[in-house]
Protein backbone atom coordinates (compact mmCIF):
# COMPACT_ATOMS: atom_id res chain seq x y z
CA MET A 1 110.02 96.75 118.82
CA GLN A 2 112.24 96.30 121.86
CA ARG A 3 110.24 95.16 124.88
CA LEU A 4 110.50 97.38 127.96
CA TYR A 5 110.53 94.47 130.41
CA LEU A 6 113.48 92.93 128.53
CA GLN A 7 115.40 96.20 128.92
CA PHE A 8 114.75 96.13 132.67
CA TYR A 9 115.73 92.48 132.95
CA VAL A 10 118.91 92.80 130.86
CA THR A 11 119.93 95.79 132.97
CA ILE A 12 119.56 93.71 136.15
CA LEU A 13 121.62 90.88 134.64
CA ILE A 14 124.38 93.27 133.56
CA VAL A 15 124.54 94.78 137.06
CA LEU A 16 124.76 91.30 138.59
CA ALA A 17 127.52 90.27 136.17
CA VAL A 18 129.54 93.40 136.98
CA PHE A 19 129.03 92.78 140.69
CA VAL A 20 130.26 89.17 140.49
CA GLY A 21 133.26 90.12 138.36
CA ALA A 22 134.25 92.97 140.66
CA ALA A 23 133.92 90.74 143.75
CA VAL A 24 136.15 88.03 142.22
CA LEU A 25 138.73 90.59 141.13
CA LEU A 26 138.86 92.18 144.57
CA TRP A 27 139.25 88.76 146.18
CA ARG A 28 142.18 87.90 143.93
CA VAL A 29 143.87 91.23 144.63
CA ALA A 30 143.34 90.82 148.36
CA ASP A 31 144.54 87.22 148.18
CA ASP A 32 147.76 88.27 146.43
CA ASP A 33 148.37 91.02 148.95
CA ASN A 34 147.99 88.61 151.90
CA ARG A 35 150.99 86.52 150.82
CA THR A 36 153.55 88.42 152.88
CA PRO A 37 157.30 88.05 152.43
CA GLN A 38 157.60 86.99 156.11
CA TYR A 39 155.47 83.91 155.45
CA LEU A 40 157.58 82.90 152.46
CA ASP A 41 160.83 83.54 154.31
CA VAL A 42 159.76 81.30 157.21
CA ALA A 43 158.74 78.53 154.78
CA ALA A 44 162.11 78.80 153.02
CA GLU A 45 164.03 78.58 156.33
CA LEU A 46 162.06 75.55 157.53
CA THR A 47 162.41 73.73 154.22
CA GLY A 48 166.10 74.50 154.06
CA ALA A 49 166.53 73.02 157.56
CA LEU A 50 164.79 69.80 156.53
CA LEU A 51 166.90 69.27 153.40
CA PRO A 52 170.62 68.46 153.22
CA ASP A 53 173.03 71.25 152.36
CA ALA A 54 173.57 72.19 148.77
CA THR A 55 177.03 70.55 148.97
CA ALA A 56 175.58 67.17 150.07
CA PRO A 57 175.71 64.28 147.59
CA ARG A 58 172.73 64.11 145.24
CA PRO A 59 171.62 60.64 146.51
CA ASP A 60 171.21 62.17 149.96
CA GLN A 61 169.19 65.03 148.55
CA GLN A 62 167.10 62.55 146.53
CA ARG A 63 166.25 60.56 149.68
CA ALA A 64 165.32 63.75 151.51
CA ILE A 65 163.01 64.83 148.66
CA GLU A 66 161.38 61.37 148.63
CA GLY A 67 160.78 61.63 152.37
CA LEU A 68 159.11 65.01 151.95
CA GLN A 69 157.00 63.63 149.11
CA ARG A 70 155.69 60.78 151.28
CA LYS A 71 154.80 63.14 154.13
CA LEU A 72 153.31 65.95 152.11
CA ARG A 73 151.87 63.86 149.25
CA PHE A 74 153.11 66.42 146.78
CA ASP A 75 155.08 65.98 143.58
CA ILE A 76 158.37 67.66 144.52
CA ALA A 77 161.42 68.70 142.49
CA LEU A 78 164.63 70.35 143.71
CA TYR A 79 166.65 72.57 141.33
CA GLU A 80 170.03 74.25 141.34
CA PRO A 81 170.03 78.06 141.22
CA ASP A 82 170.71 77.82 137.48
CA GLY A 83 167.68 75.52 136.89
CA ASP A 84 169.51 72.17 136.78
CA MET A 85 167.38 69.45 138.48
CA ILE A 86 168.96 67.92 141.61
CA ALA A 87 166.25 65.50 142.75
CA MET A 88 162.60 64.64 142.03
CA ALA A 89 159.83 62.58 143.65
CA GLY A 90 156.45 61.88 142.06
CA LYS A 91 155.40 62.90 138.56
CA PRO A 92 157.82 64.93 136.47
CA PRO A 93 157.19 68.62 136.98
CA PRO A 94 156.66 71.03 134.08
CA ARG A 95 159.62 72.79 132.58
CA PHE A 96 161.23 75.06 135.16
CA GLU A 97 162.83 78.37 134.16
CA PRO A 98 164.61 80.08 137.09
CA LYS A 99 164.78 83.43 135.26
CA ARG A 100 160.98 83.59 135.18
CA ALA A 101 160.37 81.86 138.54
CA ARG A 102 158.81 83.73 141.42
CA THR A 103 158.13 82.56 144.96
CA GLY A 104 154.51 81.74 145.76
CA TRP A 105 151.52 79.77 144.45
CA ARG A 106 151.12 79.72 140.72
CA ARG A 107 148.72 77.90 138.41
CA GLY A 108 150.32 75.82 135.69
CA PRO A 109 149.42 73.22 133.07
CA GLY A 110 149.43 70.36 135.62
CA GLY A 111 147.73 72.25 138.41
CA PRO A 112 148.77 74.82 141.03
CA ASN A 113 152.52 74.82 141.88
CA PHE A 114 154.21 76.17 144.98
CA VAL A 115 157.62 77.64 144.13
CA LEU A 116 160.04 78.40 146.97
CA GLN A 117 163.62 79.66 146.84
CA LEU A 118 165.74 78.28 149.66
CA PRO A 119 168.27 80.45 151.54
CA ASP A 120 171.17 78.78 149.68
CA GLY A 121 169.66 79.68 146.27
CA ARG A 122 168.16 76.32 145.38
CA TRP A 123 164.56 76.14 144.08
CA LEU A 124 161.90 73.82 145.43
CA VAL A 125 158.81 73.20 143.25
CA ALA A 126 155.86 71.31 144.80
CA ARG A 127 152.69 70.33 142.97
CA GLN A 128 149.54 68.93 144.57
CA VAL A 129 148.87 65.30 143.63
CA ARG A 130 145.12 65.89 144.06
CA GLU A 131 144.17 69.45 143.33
CA ARG A 132 142.04 71.18 145.84
CA PRO A 133 139.48 73.60 144.46
CA ASN A 134 140.67 77.16 144.46
CA PRO A 135 138.77 79.31 146.98
CA ILE A 136 138.22 81.84 144.22
CA PHE A 137 136.28 79.17 142.33
CA TRP A 138 133.96 78.59 145.27
CA ILE A 139 133.49 82.31 145.83
CA ALA A 140 132.71 82.84 142.16
CA ALA A 141 130.34 79.87 142.20
CA ALA A 142 128.54 81.21 145.28
CA LEU A 143 128.23 84.66 143.76
CA GLY A 144 127.02 83.07 140.53
CA LEU A 145 124.31 81.18 142.41
CA VAL A 146 123.27 84.41 144.11
CA ALA A 147 123.11 86.13 140.72
CA ILE A 148 121.02 83.30 139.27
CA ALA A 149 118.65 83.43 142.24
CA VAL A 150 118.25 87.19 141.88
CA ALA A 151 117.72 86.84 138.11
CA VAL A 152 115.07 84.14 138.57
CA GLY A 153 113.34 86.10 141.30
CA ALA A 154 113.45 89.38 139.38
CA PHE A 155 112.02 87.98 136.15
CA PRO A 156 108.39 87.56 137.39
CA VAL A 157 108.45 91.09 138.83
CA VAL A 158 109.88 92.65 135.67
CA ARG A 159 107.63 90.56 133.42
CA GLY A 160 104.56 91.55 135.45
CA LEU A 161 105.50 95.20 135.05
CA GLY A 162 105.95 94.66 131.31
CA ARG A 163 102.56 92.95 131.00
CA ARG A 164 100.82 95.85 132.70
CA LEU A 165 102.48 98.25 130.27
CA GLU A 166 101.46 96.02 127.35
CA ARG A 167 97.84 95.97 128.52
CA LEU A 168 97.89 99.75 128.85
CA LYS A 169 99.33 100.05 125.33
CA ALA A 170 96.63 97.70 123.99
CA GLY A 171 93.95 99.88 125.58
CA VAL A 172 95.43 103.01 124.00
CA ASP A 173 95.56 101.25 120.62
CA ARG A 174 91.92 100.20 120.92
CA LEU A 175 90.86 103.74 121.81
CA GLY A 176 92.91 105.13 118.92
CA GLY A 177 91.34 102.54 116.61
CA GLY A 178 87.85 103.89 117.34
CA ASP A 179 86.72 101.66 120.24
CA LEU A 180 85.58 104.39 122.59
CA GLY A 181 84.54 101.82 125.18
CA ALA A 182 88.15 100.66 125.63
CA ARG A 183 89.25 100.56 129.26
CA VAL A 184 92.22 99.04 131.08
CA LYS A 185 92.30 97.24 134.41
CA VAL A 186 93.76 99.27 137.27
CA GLU A 187 96.29 97.00 139.01
CA GLY A 188 98.26 97.93 142.11
CA ARG A 189 98.79 101.31 143.73
CA ASP A 190 101.89 102.56 141.95
CA GLU A 191 102.49 105.05 139.13
CA LEU A 192 101.32 102.56 136.49
CA ALA A 193 98.01 102.12 138.31
CA ALA A 194 97.61 105.92 138.46
CA LEU A 195 98.36 106.11 134.73
CA ALA A 196 95.76 103.41 133.98
CA ALA A 197 93.15 105.23 136.07
CA SER A 198 93.95 108.49 134.29
CA PHE A 199 93.59 106.77 130.91
CA ASN A 200 90.18 105.38 131.91
CA ARG A 201 88.98 108.82 133.00
CA SER A 202 90.18 110.37 129.75
CA ALA A 203 88.54 107.61 127.69
CA GLU A 204 85.22 108.15 129.53
CA ARG A 205 85.32 111.89 128.81
CA ILE A 206 86.14 111.30 125.14
CA GLU A 207 83.33 108.77 124.83
CA ALA A 208 80.87 111.15 126.47
CA LEU A 209 81.91 114.04 124.20
CA VAL A 210 81.64 111.96 121.04
CA ALA A 211 78.26 110.57 122.12
CA ALA A 212 77.00 114.10 122.76
CA HIS A 213 78.28 115.19 119.36
CA ARG A 214 76.52 112.31 117.62
CA LEU A 215 73.30 112.98 119.48
CA LEU A 216 73.44 116.68 118.57
CA LEU A 217 74.10 115.85 114.92
CA ALA A 218 71.25 113.34 114.74
CA ASN A 219 68.79 115.66 116.48
CA ALA A 220 69.78 118.62 114.31
CA SER A 221 69.36 116.51 111.17
CA HIS A 222 65.93 115.39 112.27
CA GLU A 223 64.88 118.92 113.17
CA LEU A 224 65.91 120.17 109.73
CA ARG A 225 63.44 117.79 108.11
CA THR A 226 60.42 119.80 109.30
CA PRO A 227 61.28 123.20 107.74
CA LEU A 228 62.46 121.44 104.60
CA THR A 229 59.12 119.75 104.29
CA ARG A 230 57.33 123.08 104.65
CA ILE A 231 59.58 124.69 102.04
CA SER A 232 58.93 121.81 99.66
CA VAL A 233 55.18 122.10 100.13
CA ALA A 234 55.34 125.88 99.62
CA ALA A 235 57.34 125.41 96.42
CA SER A 236 54.78 122.96 95.05
CA LEU A 237 51.94 125.40 95.83
CA LEU A 238 53.51 128.25 93.92
CA GLY A 239 51.23 129.34 91.11
CA ASP A 240 52.02 129.48 87.45
CA SER A 241 52.76 133.16 87.88
CA ALA A 242 55.98 132.29 89.77
CA ASP A 243 59.24 132.22 87.88
CA PRO A 244 59.69 128.59 86.67
CA ARG A 245 63.46 128.85 86.93
CA THR A 246 63.24 130.04 90.53
CA ARG A 247 60.73 127.32 91.37
CA GLU A 248 62.95 124.58 89.89
CA SER A 249 66.03 125.96 91.62
CA LEU A 250 64.17 125.94 94.93
CA LYS A 251 63.10 122.34 94.41
CA ARG A 252 66.69 121.30 93.62
CA ASP A 253 67.98 123.05 96.73
CA VAL A 254 65.38 121.31 98.87
CA ALA A 255 66.22 117.94 97.32
CA GLU A 256 69.93 118.53 97.88
CA LEU A 257 69.40 119.51 101.51
CA ASP A 258 67.20 116.46 102.03
CA GLU A 259 69.89 114.23 100.54
CA LEU A 260 72.55 115.86 102.71
CA ILE A 261 70.51 115.16 105.83
CA GLU A 262 70.02 111.55 104.79
CA GLN A 263 73.76 111.13 104.15
CA ILE A 264 74.63 112.69 107.52
CA LEU A 265 72.22 110.41 109.34
CA LEU A 266 73.68 107.37 107.59
CA ALA A 267 77.26 108.46 108.34
CA SER A 268 76.33 109.03 111.99
CA ARG A 269 74.71 105.59 112.23
CA LEU A 270 77.71 103.89 110.64
CA GLU A 271 80.06 105.68 113.03
CA ALA A 272 78.00 104.55 116.02
CA VAL A 273 77.96 100.89 114.90
CA PRO A 274 81.49 99.58 114.13
CA GLU A 275 80.27 96.27 112.64
CA LEU A 276 77.63 95.34 110.10
CA GLU A 277 74.23 94.90 111.71
CA GLN A 278 73.20 92.14 109.29
CA ARG A 279 74.65 89.97 106.57
CA GLU A 280 72.96 88.16 103.73
CA PRO A 281 73.93 86.82 100.28
CA VAL A 282 73.63 89.61 97.71
CA ASP A 283 73.93 89.29 93.93
CA LEU A 284 76.09 92.33 93.26
CA LEU A 285 75.37 92.40 89.51
CA ALA A 286 71.58 92.30 90.02
CA LEU A 287 71.82 94.99 92.69
CA ALA A 288 73.98 97.21 90.47
CA ALA A 289 71.64 96.72 87.49
CA GLU A 290 68.62 97.65 89.60
CA GLU A 291 70.19 100.85 90.90
CA ALA A 292 71.70 101.83 87.56
CA SER A 293 68.32 101.49 85.84
CA HIS A 294 67.03 104.43 87.91
CA TYR A 295 69.50 106.59 85.98
CA ASP A 296 68.90 104.96 82.57
CA VAL A 297 72.23 103.14 82.78
CA GLU A 298 72.77 99.45 82.03
CA ALA A 299 75.04 97.21 84.09
CA ASP A 300 76.88 94.27 82.55
CA GLY A 301 79.35 91.62 83.64
CA GLU A 302 78.91 88.34 85.50
CA PRO A 303 76.84 87.50 88.58
CA VAL A 304 78.94 87.52 91.74
CA THR A 305 77.51 86.90 95.20
CA VAL A 306 78.84 88.82 98.18
CA SER A 307 77.90 88.62 101.84
CA GLY A 308 76.81 91.89 103.37
CA ASP A 309 74.13 94.43 104.17
CA ARG A 310 71.89 94.85 101.11
CA THR A 311 70.80 98.37 102.07
CA LEU A 312 74.35 99.61 102.49
CA LEU A 313 75.51 97.97 99.25
CA ARG A 314 72.59 99.61 97.45
CA ARG A 315 73.66 102.97 98.84
CA LEU A 316 77.23 102.30 97.66
CA VAL A 317 76.14 101.66 94.06
CA ARG A 318 73.73 104.59 94.09
CA ASN A 319 76.37 107.06 95.30
CA LEU A 320 78.87 105.94 92.65
CA VAL A 321 76.34 106.25 89.81
CA GLU A 322 75.10 109.64 91.07
CA ASN A 323 78.70 110.85 91.33
CA ALA A 324 79.40 109.74 87.74
CA GLN A 325 76.24 111.43 86.53
CA ARG A 326 77.02 114.72 88.31
CA TYR A 327 80.67 115.02 87.38
CA GLY A 328 80.79 113.04 84.13
CA GLY A 329 79.82 116.01 82.02
CA GLY A 330 76.88 114.21 80.43
CA THR A 331 79.10 111.44 79.00
CA PRO A 332 77.91 107.80 78.93
CA ILE A 333 78.28 105.91 82.20
CA GLU A 334 79.47 102.32 82.30
CA VAL A 335 78.68 99.98 85.21
CA SER A 336 80.13 96.46 85.35
CA VAL A 337 80.58 93.65 87.86
CA ASN A 338 83.22 90.91 87.47
CA ARG A 339 85.04 88.28 89.51
CA GLU A 340 88.80 88.65 89.85
CA ALA A 341 90.97 86.39 92.05
CA GLY A 342 88.04 85.35 94.23
CA ARG A 343 86.77 88.91 94.72
CA ALA A 344 83.82 90.83 93.34
CA VAL A 345 84.89 93.94 91.44
CA LEU A 346 82.42 96.77 90.73
CA ASP A 347 83.50 99.40 88.18
CA VAL A 348 81.67 102.67 87.54
CA ILE A 349 83.23 104.61 84.65
CA ASP A 350 82.53 108.08 83.31
CA HIS A 351 84.31 109.96 80.53
CA GLY A 352 84.23 113.41 82.04
CA PRO A 353 87.17 115.66 82.92
CA GLY A 354 88.56 113.07 85.34
CA VAL A 355 90.30 113.46 88.67
CA PRO A 356 93.94 114.62 88.98
CA GLU A 357 96.19 111.84 90.22
CA ALA A 358 97.26 113.84 93.29
CA GLU A 359 93.63 114.13 94.45
CA ARG A 360 92.32 110.62 93.73
CA GLN A 361 92.67 109.61 97.36
CA ARG A 362 91.46 112.87 98.89
CA ILE A 363 88.12 112.82 97.08
CA PHE A 364 87.05 110.06 99.49
CA GLU A 365 87.36 112.49 102.40
CA PRO A 366 84.08 113.98 103.74
CA PHE A 367 83.11 117.30 102.13
CA TYR A 368 86.25 117.46 100.00
CA ARG A 369 85.66 119.01 96.59
CA LEU A 370 87.95 119.36 93.60
CA ALA A 371 88.92 122.80 92.40
CA GLY A 372 86.01 124.02 90.30
CA GLY A 373 83.72 121.32 91.70
CA ALA A 374 80.94 123.80 92.36
CA GLU A 375 80.62 124.41 88.65
CA THR A 376 80.74 120.77 87.54
CA GLY A 377 77.93 119.47 89.70
CA ARG A 378 75.97 119.58 92.92
CA GLY A 379 76.30 117.11 95.78
CA SER A 380 76.42 116.62 99.53
CA GLY A 381 80.15 115.99 99.83
CA LEU A 382 79.58 112.73 101.72
CA GLY A 383 78.80 110.34 98.86
CA LEU A 384 82.30 109.01 98.16
CA ALA A 385 83.21 109.03 101.87
CA LEU A 386 80.25 106.70 102.49
CA VAL A 387 81.31 104.51 99.53
CA LEU A 388 84.76 103.97 101.09
CA ASP A 389 83.31 103.36 104.56
CA ILE A 390 80.76 100.82 103.30
CA ALA A 391 83.36 99.02 101.18
CA ARG A 392 85.76 98.67 104.11
CA ARG A 393 83.02 97.45 106.43
CA HIS A 394 82.47 94.62 103.96
CA GLY A 395 86.17 93.72 103.93
CA GLY A 396 86.93 95.54 100.68
CA ASP A 397 88.22 98.86 99.43
CA ALA A 398 87.41 101.66 96.97
CA VAL A 399 89.82 103.51 94.70
CA CYS A 400 89.69 106.08 91.92
CA LEU A 401 91.63 105.30 88.74
CA ALA A 402 92.04 106.90 85.35
CA ALA A 403 89.66 105.54 82.71
CA GLU A 404 90.83 104.54 79.26
CA GLY A 405 90.13 107.36 76.81
CA GLY A 406 89.77 109.90 79.64
CA GLY A 407 87.54 110.19 82.65
CA SER A 408 87.43 108.34 85.94
CA ARG A 409 87.06 104.71 86.94
CA PHE A 410 85.76 104.14 90.45
CA ARG A 411 86.54 100.56 91.45
CA VAL A 412 85.21 98.73 94.50
CA ASP A 413 86.44 95.23 95.30
CA LEU A 414 84.66 93.06 97.87
CA PRO A 415 85.25 89.48 99.07
CA ALA A 416 83.14 87.09 96.99
CA ALA A 417 80.96 84.71 98.96
């Protein structure tokens, strides 16, 4: 992910670099335009007056060049119009080509050279013995220092803006992850502060709505217990004259509604408490054997200890065995506990019609039923959803696989203590 504050900062640096480059370019253009022909013509006339005529003997011209070199402290060379050297004083100059020569200051391999064509056609080339820094260098250096200062000063501002955005993003992630108490600190008085305040207000409203929903669900579930109790008592008081099939159907409906209420209350409590309320060492094999015995099923395998909530783990095993009994079509149920790669693995296998591969993940959703599920068994629709929730709260997971020979294998793996 590309950081927003880095985009801001890189943009500032690019603008500064363009500014410095444009300033240097404009200075060079202006500097070239300021070298007027009148200035060069005057310099040529004065230099020509100081030197002997072109027809003078070369020793005389050599002495004149040496005199100029001592006064100006330049390396000087005098050339014929065709490029033949007449005289020289100081270090040998670089190769001179009159066809490519042009009057004015030019930078060369040995430093900046001043080339001047005299009125009689001769060429004078002067090179500084000790190079003076080019003004363009100092201007560029000054602009560079300004750019560095702006970059250093802008970084804390841009980074602070980026940190505020990161904290806001972290708050949104926490709220999206289920932490309804997530809030962000309101910093400053700008648009980001207004956005943070708006997020806090929205989070408060969401938390209040969810709390009201949970309270309504819990109260409704509790209130349903009273009429269910009365119906159950009335069903037990029915005389022998009542239809036995109707009486048994009524009892099953009451038991199913009672189980549904219990599952809803448990789901509501788990949703309200994101972490386990208590942890203790639990022998998963002994727990599975105890729960399976209520359904005349034996559990085998090896003892594996896990750390968790015994009540919730008991509910997990119970829901898996009840699910296998309801939808297994009366086939034998197998329950086993084993240790694999440092984890406790609980398998509950039935040999019923099985679950289509495309729906093996969806059956863990609340109130999701397979096609034809109403005919294959009765249930609350929350059993497998609670299994997955309890497994994940203990650091594990629950999956549905195909069993060998047909049927379903529900596997839960938990960290072994």
